[in-house]
Amino acid sequence: MAGSTAGGMKMIRVLLVLKHAWLEIRKQLHPRAVFVLLVGGKPVREHVMLNVLGFMLIYMMLFGFRHVCDGVTLFSLPAAAGAAATAVSNVGPGLAELGPVEHFGDVPWQGHLILTFLMLVGRLEIYTVLLLFHPALWKR
């Protein structure tokens, strides 16, 4: 559900990105044609699509940020990917050393800080949390 507070990548966003990708392929085949992206028989406005694509980009950048921080946590790539997915998407257990029969107690305190940030971003929505760090928000 697009209005869910569960965090993570909503299915409507995935659907929009896939439809947009297909639309771009069709535009390459027929450069003079005019295509309209439809969801539920209604057109999707361009600014909505740009917001969804921006969200997807930031979401992937957060996963990349987590992997860059692997030097801090000293865990394997599957464990780091599972931890990032668990934190940002607010979903079940991680993978490998942080899997279903393991725990996050072995993660160093720096890793806990990173995962806590990712959990806040995932739960409160990416744009909402990142706006808190924008200088214009703090000016009088």
N, C-alpha and C. Protein backbone atom coordinates (compact mmCIF):
# COMPACT_ATOMS: atom_id res chain seq x y z
N MET A 1 0.84 -1.18 0.00
CA MET A 1 0.00 0.00 0.00
C MET A 1 0.88 1.23 0.00
N ALA A 2 0.59 2.19 -0.82
CA ALA A 2 1.42 3.39 -0.94
C ALA A 2 1.37 4.24 0.31
N GLY A 3 0.29 4.21 1.07
CA GLY A 3 0.17 5.03 2.27
C GLY A 3 0.62 4.33 3.53
N SER A 4 1.18 3.16 3.43
CA SER A 4 1.60 2.38 4.59
C SER A 4 2.75 3.07 5.32
N THR A 5 2.82 2.86 6.62
CA THR A 5 3.92 3.41 7.41
C THR A 5 4.99 2.37 7.68
N ALA A 6 4.99 1.29 6.93
CA ALA A 6 5.96 0.21 7.16
C ALA A 6 7.34 0.56 6.65
N GLY A 7 7.50 1.64 5.93
CA GLY A 7 8.80 2.02 5.40
C GLY A 7 9.18 1.17 4.21
N GLY A 8 10.34 1.46 3.65
CA GLY A 8 10.84 0.66 2.54
C GLY A 8 10.24 1.02 1.21
N MET A 9 10.53 0.18 0.25
CA MET A 9 10.09 0.42 -1.12
C MET A 9 8.67 -0.09 -1.30
N LYS A 10 7.76 0.82 -1.54
CA LYS A 10 6.35 0.45 -1.74
C LYS A 10 6.17 -0.15 -3.13
N MET A 11 5.23 -1.05 -3.26
CA MET A 11 5.00 -1.74 -4.54
C MET A 11 4.58 -0.77 -5.63
N ILE A 12 3.84 0.28 -5.27
CA ILE A 12 3.42 1.24 -6.30
C ILE A 12 4.64 1.94 -6.88
N ARG A 13 5.65 2.19 -6.06
CA ARG A 13 6.87 2.83 -6.56
C ARG A 13 7.62 1.88 -7.48
N VAL A 14 7.70 0.63 -7.11
CA VAL A 14 8.36 -0.36 -7.98
C VAL A 14 7.61 -0.46 -9.30
N LEU A 15 6.29 -0.52 -9.24
CA LEU A 15 5.47 -0.59 -10.46
C LEU A 15 5.71 0.63 -11.35
N LEU A 16 5.75 1.83 -10.75
CA LEU A 16 5.97 3.04 -11.53
C LEU A 16 7.35 3.04 -12.19
N VAL A 17 8.36 2.60 -11.47
CA VAL A 17 9.71 2.57 -12.04
C VAL A 17 9.78 1.56 -13.19
N LEU A 18 9.18 0.40 -13.01
CA LEU A 18 9.18 -0.59 -14.09
C LEU A 18 8.41 -0.10 -15.31
N LYS A 19 7.25 0.52 -15.08
CA LYS A 19 6.47 1.06 -16.21
C LYS A 19 7.23 2.18 -16.90
N HIS A 20 7.92 3.01 -16.11
CA HIS A 20 8.70 4.10 -16.70
C HIS A 20 9.85 3.55 -17.54
N ALA A 21 10.52 2.51 -17.04
CA ALA A 21 11.61 1.89 -17.80
C ALA A 21 11.09 1.34 -19.13
N TRP A 22 9.94 0.67 -19.09
CA TRP A 22 9.34 0.12 -20.32
C TRP A 22 8.96 1.26 -21.28
N LEU A 23 8.45 2.34 -20.73
CA LEU A 23 8.08 3.50 -21.54
C LEU A 23 9.31 4.09 -22.22
N GLU A 24 10.43 4.17 -21.51
CA GLU A 24 11.66 4.70 -22.10
C GLU A 24 12.18 3.80 -23.21
N ILE A 25 12.04 2.49 -23.06
CA ILE A 25 12.43 1.57 -24.13
C ILE A 25 11.57 1.81 -25.36
N ARG A 26 10.26 1.95 -25.14
CA ARG A 26 9.36 2.22 -26.27
C ARG A 26 9.68 3.55 -26.94
N LYS A 27 10.10 4.56 -26.16
CA LYS A 27 10.47 5.86 -26.73
C LYS A 27 11.71 5.73 -27.61
N GLN A 28 12.62 4.84 -27.25
CA GLN A 28 13.81 4.62 -28.07
C GLN A 28 13.44 3.97 -29.40
N LEU A 29 12.44 3.09 -29.37
CA LEU A 29 12.00 2.43 -30.60
C LEU A 29 11.20 3.37 -31.50
N HIS A 30 10.43 4.25 -30.88
CA HIS A 30 9.56 5.17 -31.62
C HIS A 30 9.78 6.60 -31.09
N PRO A 31 10.85 7.26 -31.53
CA PRO A 31 11.24 8.54 -30.95
C PRO A 31 10.22 9.67 -31.16
N ARG A 32 9.39 9.60 -32.18
CA ARG A 32 8.42 10.67 -32.45
C ARG A 32 7.06 10.43 -31.80
N ALA A 33 6.88 9.27 -31.24
CA ALA A 33 5.58 8.94 -30.63
C ALA A 33 5.45 9.64 -29.28
N VAL A 34 4.20 9.86 -28.89
CA VAL A 34 3.90 10.45 -27.59
C VAL A 34 3.28 9.36 -26.73
N PHE A 35 3.93 9.06 -25.61
CA PHE A 35 3.46 8.02 -24.71
C PHE A 35 3.06 8.64 -23.38
N VAL A 36 2.04 8.08 -22.77
CA VAL A 36 1.58 8.54 -21.47
C VAL A 36 1.63 7.35 -20.52
N LEU A 37 2.24 7.56 -19.37
CA LEU A 37 2.33 6.52 -18.35
C LEU A 37 1.00 6.45 -17.60
N LEU A 38 0.38 5.28 -17.63
CA LEU A 38 -0.92 5.10 -16.99
C LEU A 38 -0.82 4.10 -15.85
N VAL A 39 -1.49 4.41 -14.76
CA VAL A 39 -1.64 3.48 -13.65
C VAL A 39 -3.11 3.49 -13.26
N GLY A 40 -3.73 2.36 -13.35
CA GLY A 40 -5.16 2.28 -13.06
C GLY A 40 -6.00 3.07 -14.04
N GLY A 41 -5.50 3.19 -15.27
CA GLY A 41 -6.23 3.91 -16.30
C GLY A 41 -6.10 5.42 -16.20
N LYS A 42 -5.33 5.92 -15.25
CA LYS A 42 -5.14 7.37 -15.08
C LYS A 42 -3.69 7.74 -15.36
N PRO A 43 -3.48 8.88 -16.00
CA PRO A 43 -2.09 9.29 -16.30
C PRO A 43 -1.33 9.68 -15.03
N VAL A 44 -0.03 9.39 -15.05
CA VAL A 44 0.85 9.76 -13.94
C VAL A 44 1.57 11.04 -14.36
N ARG A 45 1.46 12.06 -13.52
CA ARG A 45 2.10 13.34 -13.83
C ARG A 45 3.62 13.20 -13.76
N GLU A 46 4.29 14.04 -14.55
CA GLU A 46 5.74 13.96 -14.65
C GLU A 46 6.41 14.25 -13.31
N HIS A 47 5.91 15.21 -12.54
CA HIS A 47 6.54 15.53 -11.26
C HIS A 47 6.41 14.38 -10.26
N VAL A 48 5.32 13.62 -10.35
CA VAL A 48 5.15 12.45 -9.49
C VAL A 48 6.19 11.39 -9.88
N MET A 49 6.38 11.19 -11.16
CA MET A 49 7.35 10.21 -11.63
C MET A 49 8.76 10.61 -11.23
N LEU A 50 9.08 11.90 -11.31
CA LEU A 50 10.40 12.36 -10.91
C LEU A 50 10.62 12.17 -9.41
N ASN A 51 9.58 12.38 -8.60
CA ASN A 51 9.69 12.13 -7.16
C ASN A 51 9.95 10.66 -6.87
N VAL A 52 9.27 9.78 -7.58
CA VAL A 52 9.46 8.35 -7.39
C VAL A 52 10.86 7.93 -7.82
N LEU A 53 11.33 8.43 -8.95
CA LEU A 53 12.68 8.10 -9.40
C LEU A 53 13.74 8.65 -8.44
N GLY A 54 13.50 9.84 -7.91
CA GLY A 54 14.41 10.41 -6.91
C GLY A 54 14.43 9.58 -5.64
N PHE A 55 13.26 9.13 -5.22
CA PHE A 55 13.18 8.28 -4.03
C PHE A 55 13.97 7.00 -4.24
N MET A 56 13.79 6.38 -5.40
CA MET A 56 14.50 5.14 -5.71
C MET A 56 16.01 5.37 -5.71
N LEU A 57 16.46 6.49 -6.26
CA LEU A 57 17.88 6.80 -6.29
C LEU A 57 18.44 6.97 -4.88
N ILE A 58 17.74 7.72 -4.05
CA ILE A 58 18.19 7.92 -2.67
C ILE A 58 18.17 6.61 -1.90
N TYR A 59 17.16 5.79 -2.14
CA TYR A 59 17.06 4.48 -1.49
C TYR A 59 18.29 3.63 -1.83
N MET A 60 18.65 3.60 -3.09
CA MET A 60 19.82 2.82 -3.51
C MET A 60 21.11 3.44 -2.96
N MET A 61 21.17 4.76 -2.86
CA MET A 61 22.34 5.41 -2.30
C MET A 61 22.50 5.06 -0.82
N LEU A 62 21.40 4.91 -0.10
CA LEU A 62 21.48 4.50 1.30
C LEU A 62 22.04 3.08 1.42
N PHE A 63 21.64 2.20 0.51
CA PHE A 63 22.23 0.86 0.50
C PHE A 63 23.73 0.96 0.23
N GLY A 64 24.12 1.79 -0.73
CA GLY A 64 25.53 1.99 -1.03
C GLY A 64 26.28 2.58 0.16
N PHE A 65 25.65 3.53 0.86
CA PHE A 65 26.25 4.12 2.06
C PHE A 65 26.53 3.05 3.09
N ARG A 66 25.61 2.14 3.24
CA ARG A 66 25.79 1.06 4.21
C ARG A 66 26.97 0.17 3.81
N HIS A 67 27.12 -0.08 2.52
CA HIS A 67 28.22 -0.94 2.06
C HIS A 67 29.57 -0.24 2.20
N VAL A 68 29.59 1.07 2.02
CA VAL A 68 30.83 1.82 2.23
C VAL A 68 31.24 1.72 3.69
N CYS A 69 30.28 1.64 4.57
CA CYS A 69 30.55 1.56 6.00
C CYS A 69 30.92 0.14 6.45
N ASP A 70 31.04 -0.79 5.52
CA ASP A 70 31.43 -2.16 5.89
C ASP A 70 32.78 -2.21 6.58
N GLY A 71 33.65 -1.27 6.26
CA GLY A 71 34.95 -1.24 6.92
C GLY A 71 34.81 -1.03 8.42
N VAL A 72 33.74 -0.37 8.82
CA VAL A 72 33.48 -0.13 10.24
C VAL A 72 32.95 -1.39 10.91
N THR A 73 32.05 -2.08 10.24
CA THR A 73 31.38 -3.22 10.87
C THR A 73 32.11 -4.55 10.70
N LEU A 74 32.97 -4.64 9.69
CA LEU A 74 33.76 -5.85 9.44
C LEU A 74 32.91 -7.11 9.20
N PHE A 75 31.77 -6.94 8.58
CA PHE A 75 30.91 -8.08 8.24
C PHE A 75 30.99 -8.35 6.75
N SER A 76 30.53 -9.53 6.35
CA SER A 76 30.56 -9.91 4.93
C SER A 76 29.54 -9.09 4.14
N LEU A 77 29.66 -9.14 2.82
CA LEU A 77 28.75 -8.41 1.94
C LEU A 77 27.30 -8.86 2.12
N PRO A 78 27.00 -10.19 2.18
CA PRO A 78 25.60 -10.59 2.40
C PRO A 78 25.06 -10.09 3.75
N ALA A 79 25.89 -10.11 4.77
CA ALA A 79 25.44 -9.64 6.09
C ALA A 79 25.15 -8.14 6.05
N ALA A 80 26.04 -7.38 5.38
CA ALA A 80 25.83 -5.93 5.28
C ALA A 80 24.59 -5.60 4.45
N ALA A 81 24.39 -6.33 3.34
CA ALA A 81 23.20 -6.11 2.52
C ALA A 81 21.93 -6.46 3.28
N GLY A 82 21.97 -7.56 4.02
CA GLY A 82 20.82 -7.95 4.83
C GLY A 82 20.54 -6.95 5.93
N ALA A 83 21.59 -6.44 6.55
CA ALA A 83 21.42 -5.44 7.61
C ALA A 83 20.83 -4.16 7.03
N ALA A 84 21.31 -3.74 5.87
CA ALA A 84 20.78 -2.53 5.23
C ALA A 84 19.31 -2.72 4.86
N ALA A 85 18.97 -3.87 4.29
CA ALA A 85 17.57 -4.14 3.92
C ALA A 85 16.69 -4.19 5.16
N THR A 86 17.18 -4.83 6.21
CA THR A 86 16.42 -4.92 7.46
C THR A 86 16.18 -3.54 8.04
N ALA A 87 17.21 -2.70 8.04
CA ALA A 87 17.09 -1.38 8.65
C ALA A 87 16.24 -0.43 7.81
N VAL A 88 16.58 -0.24 6.54
CA VAL A 88 15.88 0.74 5.71
C VAL A 88 14.45 0.32 5.43
N SER A 89 14.22 -0.96 5.21
CA SER A 89 12.88 -1.42 4.85
C SER A 89 12.05 -1.85 6.04
N ASN A 90 12.64 -1.89 7.22
CA ASN A 90 11.93 -2.33 8.42
C ASN A 90 11.28 -3.69 8.20
N VAL A 91 12.09 -4.62 7.73
CA VAL A 91 11.62 -5.98 7.47
C VAL A 91 12.37 -6.96 8.37
N GLY A 92 12.10 -8.21 8.23
CA GLY A 92 12.60 -9.29 9.06
C GLY A 92 14.09 -9.39 9.25
N PRO A 93 14.57 -10.58 9.51
CA PRO A 93 15.98 -10.79 9.87
C PRO A 93 16.93 -10.51 8.71
N GLY A 94 18.20 -10.33 9.06
CA GLY A 94 19.22 -10.09 8.06
C GLY A 94 19.70 -11.38 7.42
N LEU A 95 20.92 -11.36 6.92
CA LEU A 95 21.51 -12.50 6.24
C LEU A 95 22.87 -12.84 6.85
N ALA A 96 23.36 -14.02 6.58
CA ALA A 96 24.69 -14.50 6.99
C ALA A 96 24.90 -14.33 8.49
N GLU A 97 25.93 -13.56 8.89
CA GLU A 97 26.25 -13.43 10.32
C GLU A 97 25.16 -12.71 11.11
N LEU A 98 24.26 -12.05 10.42
CA LEU A 98 23.16 -11.34 11.08
C LEU A 98 21.82 -11.95 10.69
N GLY A 99 21.83 -13.24 10.39
CA GLY A 99 20.66 -13.95 9.90
C GLY A 99 19.63 -14.27 10.97
N PRO A 100 18.65 -15.10 10.64
CA PRO A 100 17.53 -15.40 11.53
C PRO A 100 17.92 -16.07 12.84
N VAL A 101 19.01 -16.82 12.86
CA VAL A 101 19.41 -17.48 14.10
C VAL A 101 20.55 -16.74 14.79
N GLU A 102 20.90 -15.58 14.27
CA GLU A 102 21.96 -14.75 14.86
C GLU A 102 21.32 -13.48 15.42
N HIS A 103 22.13 -12.53 15.82
CA HIS A 103 21.60 -11.28 16.36
C HIS A 103 22.55 -10.13 16.02
N PHE A 104 22.09 -8.92 16.27
CA PHE A 104 22.86 -7.73 15.94
C PHE A 104 23.75 -7.31 17.11
N GLY A 105 23.83 -8.12 18.14
CA GLY A 105 24.64 -7.81 19.30
C GLY A 105 26.13 -7.77 18.99
N ASP A 106 26.56 -8.45 17.95
CA ASP A 106 27.98 -8.47 17.59
C ASP A 106 28.40 -7.28 16.73
N VAL A 107 27.44 -6.47 16.34
CA VAL A 107 27.74 -5.29 15.52
C VAL A 107 28.39 -4.24 16.43
N PRO A 108 29.52 -3.64 16.00
CA PRO A 108 30.14 -2.61 16.82
C PRO A 108 29.24 -1.38 16.97
N TRP A 109 29.54 -0.54 17.93
CA TRP A 109 28.68 0.61 18.21
C TRP A 109 28.55 1.54 17.01
N GLN A 110 29.61 1.65 16.18
CA GLN A 110 29.53 2.49 14.99
C GLN A 110 28.49 1.92 14.01
N GLY A 111 28.47 0.61 13.90
CA GLY A 111 27.48 -0.04 13.05
C GLY A 111 26.07 0.16 13.56
N HIS A 112 25.92 0.14 14.88
CA HIS A 112 24.59 0.39 15.47
C HIS A 112 24.12 1.81 15.16
N LEU A 113 25.03 2.78 15.19
CA LEU A 113 24.66 4.16 14.85
C LEU A 113 24.18 4.25 13.41
N ILE A 114 24.91 3.60 12.51
CA ILE A 114 24.54 3.61 11.09
C ILE A 114 23.19 2.93 10.90
N LEU A 115 23.01 1.76 11.52
CA LEU A 115 21.73 1.04 11.38
C LEU A 115 20.58 1.82 12.01
N THR A 116 20.83 2.50 13.11
CA THR A 116 19.79 3.32 13.73
C THR A 116 19.36 4.44 12.80
N PHE A 117 20.34 5.10 12.18
CA PHE A 117 20.01 6.15 11.20
C PHE A 117 19.19 5.58 10.05
N LEU A 118 19.62 4.43 9.52
CA LEU A 118 18.89 3.82 8.41
C LEU A 118 17.47 3.42 8.83
N MET A 119 17.31 2.96 10.07
CA MET A 119 15.97 2.59 10.54
C MET A 119 15.07 3.82 10.64
N LEU A 120 15.61 4.93 11.14
CA LEU A 120 14.83 6.16 11.20
C LEU A 120 14.43 6.64 9.82
N VAL A 121 15.40 6.60 8.91
CA VAL A 121 15.11 7.01 7.53
C VAL A 121 14.05 6.11 6.90
N GLY A 122 14.17 4.82 7.14
CA GLY A 122 13.21 3.88 6.56
C GLY A 122 11.82 4.01 7.16
N ARG A 123 11.73 4.24 8.45
CA ARG A 123 10.43 4.30 9.12
C ARG A 123 9.73 5.64 8.87
N LEU A 124 10.48 6.73 8.89
CA LEU A 124 9.88 8.05 8.78
C LEU A 124 9.82 8.57 7.35
N GLU A 125 10.25 7.79 6.42
CA GLU A 125 10.33 8.13 5.01
C GLU A 125 11.59 8.93 4.73
N ILE A 126 12.23 8.62 3.65
CA ILE A 126 13.53 9.16 3.30
C ILE A 126 13.50 10.68 3.17
N TYR A 127 12.56 11.22 2.40
CA TYR A 127 12.53 12.66 2.18
C TYR A 127 12.32 13.42 3.48
N THR A 128 11.47 12.91 4.36
CA THR A 128 11.18 13.59 5.62
C THR A 128 12.43 13.74 6.47
N VAL A 129 13.19 12.67 6.63
CA VAL A 129 14.39 12.70 7.46
C VAL A 129 15.48 13.54 6.80
N LEU A 130 15.67 13.40 5.50
CA LEU A 130 16.73 14.15 4.83
C LEU A 130 16.44 15.65 4.82
N LEU A 131 15.18 16.03 4.84
CA LEU A 131 14.83 17.46 4.94
C LEU A 131 15.30 18.06 6.25
N LEU A 132 15.37 17.26 7.30
CA LEU A 132 15.85 17.75 8.59
C LEU A 132 17.30 18.24 8.51
N PHE A 133 18.07 17.72 7.56
CA PHE A 133 19.46 18.11 7.40
C PHE A 133 19.66 19.24 6.40
N HIS A 134 18.58 19.74 5.82
CA HIS A 134 18.69 20.81 4.83
C HIS A 134 18.83 22.15 5.56
N PRO A 135 19.83 22.96 5.19
CA PRO A 135 20.06 24.23 5.89
C PRO A 135 18.88 25.20 5.85
N ALA A 136 18.10 25.18 4.77
CA ALA A 136 16.97 26.11 4.65
C ALA A 136 15.93 25.86 5.74
N LEU A 137 15.84 24.66 6.23
CA LEU A 137 14.87 24.34 7.29
C LEU A 137 15.23 25.00 8.61
N TRP A 138 16.51 25.27 8.83
CA TRP A 138 16.98 25.79 10.11
C TRP A 138 17.14 27.31 10.10
N LYS A 139 16.96 27.96 8.94
CA LYS A 139 17.06 29.43 8.89
C LYS A 139 15.79 30.05 9.43
N ARG A 140 15.94 31.22 10.00
CA ARG A 140 14.75 31.93 10.51
C ARG A 140 14.11 32.75 9.43
